[in-house]
Amino acid sequence: MAIIKVLVVDDETDFLEMTVKRLLKRNIFCEGVSSGREAVEKVRDGSFDVVLLDVKMPGMNGLETLQEIKQHKPLVEVVMLTGHASVESGIDGMKLGAFDYLMKPMELEPLLEILLDAAERKAIQEAKITKAELTRNLRGQRPGP
């Protein structure tokens, strides 16, 4: 399994700690933060593949955090979490660029599958960009005499 980097963002300390521990046990590099502002700073300064982001948080909520993450690192995939049975907030997140959304509490296996799918999509997008840049650079070179 490819190594992916996941940032878990949730203001519920017990949920945050449990999720991080469960992912680490599955050999997924994982960090956790408890606020949207912290998440934006971590993503801006780090190299995460996927952010697992709670919708309902005090201060900067999940949708606001999603928008800022996408401004700084548009290729980072975001999976929205909601414990408030709000499908609307999940759909709003998808409209703003989220990869998917899950209802809390969630089972570990479906979560892992979504995280891996999200990381794969990020890797595919990065490969396309790299290929386009390489092609542009090669076309820009002129043959010698």
N, C-alpha and C. Protein backbone atom coordinates (compact mmCIF):
# COMPACT_ATOMS: atom_id res chain seq x y z
N MET A 1 0.85 -1.18 0.00
CA MET A 1 0.00 0.00 0.00
C MET A 1 0.89 1.24 0.00
N ALA A 2 0.52 2.20 -0.81
CA ALA A 2 1.28 3.45 -0.88
C ALA A 2 1.12 4.22 0.41
N ILE A 3 2.14 4.91 0.79
CA ILE A 3 2.07 5.74 1.98
C ILE A 3 1.37 7.04 1.62
N ILE A 4 0.34 7.36 2.39
CA ILE A 4 -0.35 8.62 2.19
C ILE A 4 -0.29 9.43 3.47
N LYS A 5 -0.46 10.74 3.33
CA LYS A 5 -0.42 11.64 4.48
C LYS A 5 -1.81 12.23 4.67
N VAL A 6 -2.36 12.02 5.87
CA VAL A 6 -3.72 12.46 6.17
C VAL A 6 -3.69 13.43 7.35
N LEU A 7 -4.46 14.50 7.23
CA LEU A 7 -4.67 15.43 8.34
C LEU A 7 -6.12 15.28 8.78
N VAL A 8 -6.32 14.97 10.06
CA VAL A 8 -7.65 14.85 10.63
C VAL A 8 -7.95 16.13 11.39
N VAL A 9 -9.13 16.72 11.11
CA VAL A 9 -9.51 17.99 11.72
C VAL A 9 -10.87 17.81 12.40
N ASP A 10 -10.88 17.91 13.72
CA ASP A 10 -12.14 17.75 14.46
C ASP A 10 -11.97 18.39 15.83
N ASP A 11 -13.00 19.13 16.27
CA ASP A 11 -12.93 19.78 17.58
C ASP A 11 -13.28 18.83 18.72
N GLU A 12 -13.79 17.64 18.42
CA GLU A 12 -14.08 16.63 19.45
C GLU A 12 -12.81 15.83 19.71
N THR A 13 -12.17 16.10 20.85
CA THR A 13 -10.86 15.53 21.17
C THR A 13 -10.85 14.01 21.12
N ASP A 14 -11.87 13.38 21.72
CA ASP A 14 -11.90 11.91 21.75
C ASP A 14 -11.96 11.33 20.34
N PHE A 15 -12.82 11.89 19.50
CA PHE A 15 -12.94 11.41 18.13
C PHE A 15 -11.63 11.63 17.37
N LEU A 16 -11.04 12.80 17.54
CA LEU A 16 -9.80 13.14 16.86
C LEU A 16 -8.69 12.15 17.23
N GLU A 17 -8.49 11.94 18.53
CA GLU A 17 -7.42 11.05 18.98
C GLU A 17 -7.66 9.61 18.52
N MET A 18 -8.91 9.14 18.61
CA MET A 18 -9.23 7.78 18.21
C MET A 18 -8.98 7.58 16.70
N THR A 19 -9.40 8.54 15.90
CA THR A 19 -9.24 8.43 14.45
C THR A 19 -7.76 8.42 14.07
N VAL A 20 -7.00 9.32 14.66
CA VAL A 20 -5.56 9.36 14.37
C VAL A 20 -4.91 8.03 14.75
N LYS A 21 -5.22 7.50 15.93
CA LYS A 21 -4.64 6.22 16.36
C LYS A 21 -5.02 5.08 15.41
N ARG A 22 -6.27 5.04 14.99
CA ARG A 22 -6.74 3.98 14.09
C ARG A 22 -6.02 4.05 12.74
N LEU A 23 -5.80 5.24 12.24
CA LEU A 23 -5.11 5.37 10.96
C LEU A 23 -3.62 5.05 11.08
N LEU A 24 -3.01 5.49 12.18
CA LEU A 24 -1.59 5.17 12.40
C LEU A 24 -1.38 3.66 12.49
N LYS A 25 -2.31 2.95 13.12
CA LYS A 25 -2.21 1.49 13.21
C LYS A 25 -2.28 0.83 11.84
N ARG A 26 -2.88 1.50 10.87
CA ARG A 26 -2.97 1.00 9.51
C ARG A 26 -1.83 1.52 8.64
N ASN A 27 -0.79 2.04 9.28
CA ASN A 27 0.41 2.54 8.60
C ASN A 27 0.12 3.70 7.66
N ILE A 28 -0.83 4.53 8.05
CA ILE A 28 -1.10 5.76 7.32
C ILE A 28 -0.52 6.91 8.14
N PHE A 29 0.34 7.68 7.52
CA PHE A 29 0.89 8.85 8.21
C PHE A 29 -0.28 9.78 8.52
N CYS A 30 -0.40 10.19 9.76
CA CYS A 30 -1.58 10.94 10.16
C CYS A 30 -1.24 11.92 11.27
N GLU A 31 -1.80 13.11 11.15
CA GLU A 31 -1.72 14.11 12.21
C GLU A 31 -3.13 14.60 12.48
N GLY A 32 -3.31 15.19 13.65
CA GLY A 32 -4.62 15.72 13.98
C GLY A 32 -4.53 17.12 14.54
N VAL A 33 -5.52 17.95 14.20
CA VAL A 33 -5.65 19.29 14.76
C VAL A 33 -7.12 19.51 15.11
N SER A 34 -7.37 20.48 15.98
CA SER A 34 -8.73 20.65 16.50
C SER A 34 -9.45 21.89 15.99
N SER A 35 -8.88 22.58 15.00
CA SER A 35 -9.57 23.77 14.49
C SER A 35 -9.28 23.97 13.00
N GLY A 36 -10.17 24.70 12.37
CA GLY A 36 -10.00 25.02 10.96
C GLY A 36 -8.76 25.84 10.71
N ARG A 37 -8.51 26.81 11.56
CA ARG A 37 -7.34 27.67 11.40
C ARG A 37 -6.06 26.85 11.45
N GLU A 38 -5.97 25.92 12.44
CA GLU A 38 -4.79 25.06 12.54
C GLU A 38 -4.65 24.20 11.27
N ALA A 39 -5.77 23.73 10.76
CA ALA A 39 -5.75 22.89 9.56
C ALA A 39 -5.18 23.65 8.37
N VAL A 40 -5.64 24.87 8.19
CA VAL A 40 -5.15 25.68 7.06
C VAL A 40 -3.65 25.89 7.18
N GLU A 41 -3.17 26.19 8.38
CA GLU A 41 -1.73 26.39 8.58
C GLU A 41 -0.94 25.13 8.30
N LYS A 42 -1.43 23.98 8.80
CA LYS A 42 -0.75 22.69 8.58
C LYS A 42 -0.68 22.36 7.09
N VAL A 43 -1.81 22.54 6.40
CA VAL A 43 -1.84 22.21 4.97
C VAL A 43 -0.94 23.15 4.20
N ARG A 44 -0.99 24.43 4.52
CA ARG A 44 -0.17 25.42 3.81
C ARG A 44 1.32 25.11 3.98
N ASP A 45 1.71 24.69 5.18
CA ASP A 45 3.13 24.46 5.47
C ASP A 45 3.58 23.02 5.25
N GLY A 46 2.63 22.09 5.02
CA GLY A 46 2.96 20.68 4.92
C GLY A 46 2.70 20.10 3.56
N SER A 47 2.69 18.78 3.51
CA SER A 47 2.47 18.09 2.23
C SER A 47 1.48 16.94 2.43
N PHE A 48 0.27 17.27 2.78
CA PHE A 48 -0.77 16.27 3.00
C PHE A 48 -1.44 15.90 1.69
N ASP A 49 -1.87 14.65 1.62
CA ASP A 49 -2.62 14.17 0.46
C ASP A 49 -4.11 14.38 0.65
N VAL A 50 -4.58 14.08 1.88
CA VAL A 50 -6.00 14.12 2.17
C VAL A 50 -6.23 14.77 3.52
N VAL A 51 -7.30 15.57 3.59
CA VAL A 51 -7.74 16.15 4.86
C VAL A 51 -9.10 15.56 5.18
N LEU A 52 -9.23 15.00 6.37
CA LEU A 52 -10.49 14.49 6.89
C LEU A 52 -11.03 15.57 7.80
N LEU A 53 -12.09 16.26 7.36
CA LEU A 53 -12.48 17.54 7.94
C LEU A 53 -13.92 17.55 8.47
N ASP A 54 -14.05 17.84 9.75
CA ASP A 54 -15.38 17.94 10.36
C ASP A 54 -16.07 19.21 9.86
N VAL A 55 -17.36 19.12 9.60
CA VAL A 55 -18.13 20.26 9.11
C VAL A 55 -18.42 21.24 10.24
N LYS A 56 -18.89 20.73 11.37
CA LYS A 56 -19.34 21.59 12.48
C LYS A 56 -18.22 21.78 13.49
N MET A 57 -17.63 22.97 13.46
CA MET A 57 -16.59 23.31 14.43
C MET A 57 -16.78 24.77 14.82
N PRO A 58 -16.42 25.11 16.04
CA PRO A 58 -16.50 26.52 16.43
C PRO A 58 -15.44 27.34 15.68
N GLY A 59 -15.69 28.61 15.57
CA GLY A 59 -14.76 29.47 14.83
C GLY A 59 -14.92 29.22 13.36
N MET A 60 -13.84 28.86 12.70
CA MET A 60 -13.87 28.57 11.27
C MET A 60 -14.49 27.19 11.07
N ASN A 61 -15.66 27.13 10.42
CA ASN A 61 -16.32 25.84 10.23
C ASN A 61 -15.66 25.07 9.08
N GLY A 62 -16.14 23.86 8.85
CA GLY A 62 -15.54 22.99 7.85
C GLY A 62 -15.61 23.53 6.44
N LEU A 63 -16.74 24.15 6.08
CA LEU A 63 -16.87 24.68 4.71
C LEU A 63 -15.91 25.84 4.48
N GLU A 64 -15.75 26.70 5.48
CA GLU A 64 -14.80 27.81 5.36
C GLU A 64 -13.36 27.27 5.28
N THR A 65 -13.09 26.25 6.09
CA THR A 65 -11.76 25.64 6.09
C THR A 65 -11.47 25.00 4.74
N LEU A 66 -12.45 24.29 4.19
CA LEU A 66 -12.31 23.67 2.87
C LEU A 66 -11.93 24.71 1.82
N GLN A 67 -12.63 25.83 1.82
CA GLN A 67 -12.36 26.88 0.83
C GLN A 67 -10.93 27.39 0.96
N GLU A 68 -10.47 27.62 2.18
CA GLU A 68 -9.10 28.12 2.36
C GLU A 68 -8.06 27.08 1.98
N ILE A 69 -8.32 25.81 2.32
CA ILE A 69 -7.39 24.74 1.94
C ILE A 69 -7.25 24.71 0.42
N LYS A 70 -8.37 24.76 -0.28
CA LYS A 70 -8.35 24.69 -1.74
C LYS A 70 -7.67 25.90 -2.36
N GLN A 71 -7.72 27.05 -1.68
CA GLN A 71 -7.01 28.23 -2.18
C GLN A 71 -5.50 28.03 -2.11
N HIS A 72 -5.04 27.44 -1.01
CA HIS A 72 -3.59 27.27 -0.81
C HIS A 72 -3.05 26.04 -1.54
N LYS A 73 -3.78 24.94 -1.47
CA LYS A 73 -3.32 23.68 -2.06
C LYS A 73 -4.49 23.01 -2.79
N PRO A 74 -4.78 23.44 -4.00
CA PRO A 74 -5.96 22.95 -4.70
C PRO A 74 -5.98 21.43 -4.97
N LEU A 75 -4.82 20.80 -4.99
CA LEU A 75 -4.80 19.36 -5.27
C LEU A 75 -5.02 18.50 -4.03
N VAL A 76 -4.91 19.07 -2.84
CA VAL A 76 -5.18 18.31 -1.62
C VAL A 76 -6.65 17.94 -1.62
N GLU A 77 -6.92 16.66 -1.43
CA GLU A 77 -8.31 16.19 -1.41
C GLU A 77 -8.86 16.31 0.01
N VAL A 78 -10.13 16.67 0.09
CA VAL A 78 -10.78 16.87 1.40
C VAL A 78 -12.01 15.98 1.48
N VAL A 79 -12.09 15.21 2.56
CA VAL A 79 -13.27 14.39 2.85
C VAL A 79 -13.96 15.04 4.05
N MET A 80 -15.20 15.43 3.84
CA MET A 80 -15.97 16.12 4.88
C MET A 80 -16.60 15.09 5.82
N LEU A 81 -16.64 15.42 7.11
CA LEU A 81 -17.28 14.60 8.13
C LEU A 81 -18.43 15.37 8.75
N THR A 82 -19.55 14.72 8.91
CA THR A 82 -20.63 15.37 9.64
C THR A 82 -21.25 14.39 10.62
N GLY A 83 -21.44 14.84 11.82
CA GLY A 83 -22.09 14.02 12.85
C GLY A 83 -23.48 14.52 13.11
N HIS A 84 -23.93 15.41 12.29
CA HIS A 84 -25.21 16.07 12.54
C HIS A 84 -26.24 15.72 11.49
N ALA A 85 -26.05 14.58 10.83
CA ALA A 85 -27.00 14.08 9.83
C ALA A 85 -27.39 15.15 8.81
N SER A 86 -26.42 15.99 8.47
CA SER A 86 -26.70 17.07 7.53
C SER A 86 -26.13 16.74 6.16
N VAL A 87 -26.95 16.12 5.36
CA VAL A 87 -26.53 15.80 4.00
C VAL A 87 -26.28 17.09 3.23
N GLU A 88 -27.04 18.12 3.54
CA GLU A 88 -26.89 19.40 2.84
C GLU A 88 -25.47 19.95 2.97
N SER A 89 -24.91 19.87 4.18
CA SER A 89 -23.55 20.39 4.36
C SER A 89 -22.54 19.56 3.59
N GLY A 90 -22.77 18.26 3.48
CA GLY A 90 -21.90 17.41 2.68
C GLY A 90 -21.98 17.78 1.21
N ILE A 91 -23.19 18.02 0.73
CA ILE A 91 -23.38 18.41 -0.67
C ILE A 91 -22.74 19.78 -0.92
N ASP A 92 -22.91 20.70 0.01
CA ASP A 92 -22.27 22.01 -0.12
C ASP A 92 -20.76 21.86 -0.21
N GLY A 93 -20.21 20.96 0.60
CA GLY A 93 -18.78 20.70 0.55
C GLY A 93 -18.34 20.15 -0.79
N MET A 94 -19.14 19.26 -1.35
CA MET A 94 -18.81 18.69 -2.66
C MET A 94 -18.82 19.79 -3.72
N LYS A 95 -19.75 20.72 -3.63
CA LYS A 95 -19.81 21.83 -4.58
C LYS A 95 -18.57 22.72 -4.46
N LEU A 96 -17.99 22.77 -3.26
CA LEU A 96 -16.81 23.60 -3.04
C LEU A 96 -15.50 22.84 -3.30
N GLY A 97 -15.61 21.60 -3.75
CA GLY A 97 -14.41 20.86 -4.13
C GLY A 97 -14.03 19.70 -3.24
N ALA A 98 -14.87 19.33 -2.27
CA ALA A 98 -14.56 18.18 -1.43
C ALA A 98 -14.62 16.91 -2.27
N PHE A 99 -13.82 15.94 -1.92
CA PHE A 99 -13.78 14.67 -2.63
C PHE A 99 -15.02 13.83 -2.31
N ASP A 100 -15.43 13.83 -1.04
CA ASP A 100 -16.57 13.02 -0.60
C ASP A 100 -16.96 13.50 0.80
N TYR A 101 -18.04 12.93 1.31
CA TYR A 101 -18.38 13.20 2.70
C TYR A 101 -18.86 11.93 3.36
N LEU A 102 -18.65 11.87 4.68
CA LEU A 102 -19.01 10.71 5.49
C LEU A 102 -19.80 11.16 6.71
N MET A 103 -20.66 10.27 7.17
CA MET A 103 -21.41 10.52 8.39
C MET A 103 -20.64 9.93 9.56
N LYS A 104 -20.55 10.66 10.67
CA LYS A 104 -19.93 10.15 11.89
C LYS A 104 -21.01 9.45 12.71
N PRO A 105 -20.68 8.39 13.40
CA PRO A 105 -19.40 7.67 13.34
C PRO A 105 -19.32 6.83 12.07
N MET A 106 -18.11 6.58 11.62
CA MET A 106 -17.95 5.81 10.38
C MET A 106 -17.13 4.56 10.67
N GLU A 107 -17.35 3.56 9.85
CA GLU A 107 -16.59 2.32 9.94
C GLU A 107 -15.19 2.55 9.37
N LEU A 108 -14.21 1.83 9.89
CA LEU A 108 -12.83 2.04 9.48
C LEU A 108 -12.57 1.63 8.03
N GLU A 109 -13.07 0.48 7.61
CA GLU A 109 -12.76 0.01 6.25
C GLU A 109 -13.28 0.96 5.16
N PRO A 110 -14.55 1.40 5.23
CA PRO A 110 -14.99 2.37 4.21
C PRO A 110 -14.19 3.68 4.26
N LEU A 111 -13.82 4.11 5.46
CA LEU A 111 -13.00 5.31 5.59
C LEU A 111 -11.66 5.12 4.89
N LEU A 112 -11.01 3.99 5.14
CA LEU A 112 -9.71 3.72 4.50
C LEU A 112 -9.84 3.72 2.98
N GLU A 113 -10.90 3.11 2.48
CA GLU A 113 -11.11 3.06 1.04
C GLU A 113 -11.26 4.46 0.44
N ILE A 114 -12.02 5.31 1.11
CA ILE A 114 -12.22 6.68 0.62
C ILE A 114 -10.91 7.47 0.69
N LEU A 115 -10.16 7.32 1.79
CA LEU A 115 -8.89 8.02 1.91
C LEU A 115 -7.92 7.60 0.80
N LEU A 116 -7.86 6.30 0.53
CA LEU A 116 -6.96 5.81 -0.52
C LEU A 116 -7.41 6.29 -1.90
N ASP A 117 -8.73 6.28 -2.14
CA ASP A 117 -9.24 6.78 -3.42
C ASP A 117 -8.92 8.27 -3.60
N ALA A 118 -9.07 9.03 -2.52
CA ALA A 118 -8.78 10.47 -2.58
C ALA A 118 -7.29 10.71 -2.84
N ALA A 119 -6.44 9.96 -2.15
CA ALA A 119 -4.99 10.10 -2.36
C ALA A 119 -4.60 9.71 -3.78
N GLU A 120 -5.27 8.68 -4.31
CA GLU A 120 -4.99 8.26 -5.69
C GLU A 120 -5.38 9.36 -6.67
N ARG A 121 -6.53 10.00 -6.44
CA ARG A 121 -6.94 11.08 -7.35
C ARG A 121 -5.93 12.22 -7.31
N LYS A 122 -5.44 12.55 -6.11
CA LYS A 122 -4.43 13.60 -6.00
C LYS A 122 -3.17 13.22 -6.78
N ALA A 123 -2.73 11.98 -6.63
CA ALA A 123 -1.53 11.52 -7.33
C ALA A 123 -1.72 11.57 -8.84
N ILE A 124 -2.89 11.20 -9.32
CA ILE A 124 -3.17 11.25 -10.77
C ILE A 124 -3.11 12.69 -11.27
N GLN A 125 -3.71 13.60 -10.52
CA GLN A 125 -3.69 15.02 -10.93
C GLN A 125 -2.26 15.56 -10.94
N GLU A 126 -1.48 15.20 -9.92
CA GLU A 126 -0.08 15.66 -9.88
C GLU A 126 0.71 15.10 -11.06
N ALA A 127 0.47 13.83 -11.41
CA ALA A 127 1.16 13.22 -12.55
C ALA A 127 0.80 13.93 -13.86
N LYS A 128 -0.46 14.28 -14.02
CA LYS A 128 -0.89 15.00 -15.23
C LYS A 128 -0.19 16.34 -15.33
N ILE A 129 -0.08 17.04 -14.21
CA ILE A 129 0.59 18.34 -14.21
C ILE A 129 2.07 18.18 -14.55
N THR A 130 2.70 17.19 -13.93
CA THR A 130 4.12 16.94 -14.20
C THR A 130 4.33 16.61 -15.68
N LYS A 131 3.48 15.77 -16.24
CA LYS A 131 3.59 15.41 -17.66
C LYS A 131 3.41 16.64 -18.56
N ALA A 132 2.44 17.47 -18.24
CA ALA A 132 2.20 18.68 -19.04
C ALA A 132 3.40 19.61 -18.97
N GLU A 133 3.98 19.76 -17.77
CA GLU A 133 5.16 20.62 -17.63
C GLU A 133 6.34 20.06 -18.40
N LEU A 134 6.53 18.75 -18.33
CA LEU A 134 7.63 18.11 -19.05
C LEU A 134 7.45 18.27 -20.55
N THR A 135 6.24 18.05 -21.02
CA THR A 135 5.95 18.20 -22.45
C THR A 135 6.21 19.63 -22.89
N ARG A 136 5.75 20.59 -22.11
CA ARG A 136 5.96 22.00 -22.45
C ARG A 136 7.45 22.32 -22.49
N ASN A 137 8.21 21.80 -21.52
CA ASN A 137 9.65 22.05 -21.48
C ASN A 137 10.36 21.42 -22.68
N LEU A 138 9.96 20.21 -23.03
CA LEU A 138 10.60 19.53 -24.17
C LEU A 138 10.28 20.23 -25.48
N ARG A 139 9.08 20.70 -25.62
CA ARG A 139 8.69 21.41 -26.84
C ARG A 139 9.37 22.76 -26.93
N GLY A 140 9.70 23.32 -25.79
CA GLY A 140 10.35 24.62 -25.76
C GLY A 140 11.83 24.56 -26.12
N GLN A 141 12.42 23.35 -26.06
CA GLN A 141 13.83 23.20 -26.40
C GLN A 141 13.97 23.09 -27.92
N ARG A 142 14.97 23.75 -28.43
CA ARG A 142 15.23 23.71 -29.87
C ARG A 142 16.40 22.76 -30.12
N PRO A 143 16.31 22.02 -31.21
CA PRO A 143 17.44 21.11 -31.53
C PRO A 143 18.70 21.91 -31.83
N GLY A 144 19.82 21.32 -31.48
CA GLY A 144 21.12 21.97 -31.72
C GLY A 144 21.48 21.97 -33.19
N PRO A 145 22.59 22.66 -33.58
CA PRO A 145 23.01 22.75 -35.00
C PRO A 145 23.39 21.44 -35.59
